[in-house]
Protein backbone atom coordinates (compact mmCIF):
# COMPACT_ATOMS: atom_id res chain seq x y z
CA MET A 1 -0.67 195.29 133.70
CA ALA A 2 1.26 197.29 131.01
CA THR A 3 4.72 195.64 130.76
CA SER A 4 3.55 192.01 131.27
CA SER A 5 0.51 192.11 129.09
CA LEU A 6 2.18 193.34 125.92
CA MET A 7 3.66 190.72 123.86
CA GLU A 8 5.00 192.36 120.72
CA PRO A 9 3.75 196.14 120.85
CA ARG A 10 3.83 197.74 117.15
CA GLY A 11 2.12 200.80 117.10
CA CYS A 12 0.26 203.53 119.25
CA ALA A 13 -2.16 206.42 118.89
CA PHE A 14 -3.29 209.10 121.36
CA ASP A 15 -7.04 210.09 121.05
CA GLY A 16 -6.71 213.70 122.44
CA ASP A 17 -9.24 212.74 125.23
CA GLY A 18 -6.60 211.08 127.66
CA THR A 19 -6.08 207.67 126.36
CA VAL A 20 -3.51 205.92 124.47
CA TYR A 21 -3.98 202.76 122.33
CA VAL A 22 -1.34 200.44 121.51
CA ALA A 23 -1.49 197.73 118.91
CA ASP A 24 -0.02 194.18 120.24
CA LYS A 25 1.04 191.99 117.36
CA GLY A 26 1.95 189.12 119.49
CA GLY A 27 -1.16 189.62 121.61
CA ASN A 28 -3.55 189.78 118.63
CA ALA A 29 -5.17 192.91 120.41
CA VAL A 30 -5.47 196.69 120.64
CA TYR A 31 -5.23 197.81 124.40
CA SER A 32 -5.68 201.16 125.98
CA LEU A 33 -4.21 202.83 128.83
CA PRO A 34 -4.51 206.44 130.49
CA ALA A 35 -2.40 208.88 128.92
CA ASN A 36 -2.03 211.09 131.95
CA ALA A 37 0.09 208.82 133.94
CA ASN A 38 3.41 210.27 135.42
CA ALA A 39 5.02 206.91 134.74
CA TYR A 40 4.23 203.52 133.52
CA SER A 41 5.06 200.24 135.48
CA LEU A 42 3.84 196.72 135.79
CA ASP A 43 0.71 197.78 137.96
CA THR A 44 -0.32 200.28 135.13
CA PRO A 45 -3.90 198.99 134.11
CA LEU A 46 -4.29 198.01 130.56
CA SER A 47 -7.87 197.45 128.95
CA LYS A 48 -8.33 195.10 126.03
CA VAL A 49 -10.52 197.19 123.59
CA ALA A 50 -10.27 195.09 120.37
CA SER A 51 -9.23 191.55 119.27
CA VAL A 52 -7.37 191.96 115.92
CA GLN A 53 -4.95 189.03 114.53
CA GLY A 54 -1.72 190.24 113.96
CA ALA A 55 -2.33 193.70 115.02
CA PHE A 56 0.48 195.97 113.50
CA GLY A 57 -0.87 199.69 113.75
CA VAL A 58 -3.65 201.78 115.15
CA ALA A 59 -5.06 204.98 114.56
CA VAL A 60 -7.83 207.23 116.11
CA TYR A 61 -10.45 209.06 114.07
CA THR A 62 -12.12 212.22 115.34
CA GLN A 63 -14.90 213.91 113.56
CA VAL A 64 -14.84 217.76 114.13
CA VAL A 65 -18.48 219.18 114.03
CA ASP A 66 -18.94 223.27 113.25
CA GLU A 67 -15.50 223.71 112.17
CA PRO A 68 -15.15 227.41 111.19
CA SER A 69 -13.99 228.03 107.86
CA TRP A 70 -10.37 228.37 107.29
CA TRP A 71 -10.59 230.73 104.74
CA PRO A 72 -9.89 233.99 106.23
CA TRP A 73 -12.28 235.87 103.99
CA GLY A 74 -15.20 233.09 103.97
CA GLU A 75 -15.02 230.10 101.67
CA PRO A 76 -15.34 231.37 98.07
CA SER A 77 -18.59 230.64 95.91
CA TRP A 78 -16.49 228.23 93.52
CA TRP A 79 -15.44 226.06 96.57
CA PRO A 80 -16.77 222.66 95.62
CA TRP A 81 -18.64 221.91 98.82
């Protein structure tokens, strides 16, 4: 349950796919919960996704595959990669 499970929340991140991750320093854990809820209450389900001593923040990394060039005329030949 969202409110009763979090002892000392210290950071959160959204993954872009419908999940919010919350770092709980007091609970030494990172939890996930659905981002599409209309409201959160004592009945909102939490899932413990990691045990972390003194969790203080959380970040989400997403790898972009086949990203089109941001150069409007194509990447120049001098570009290092």
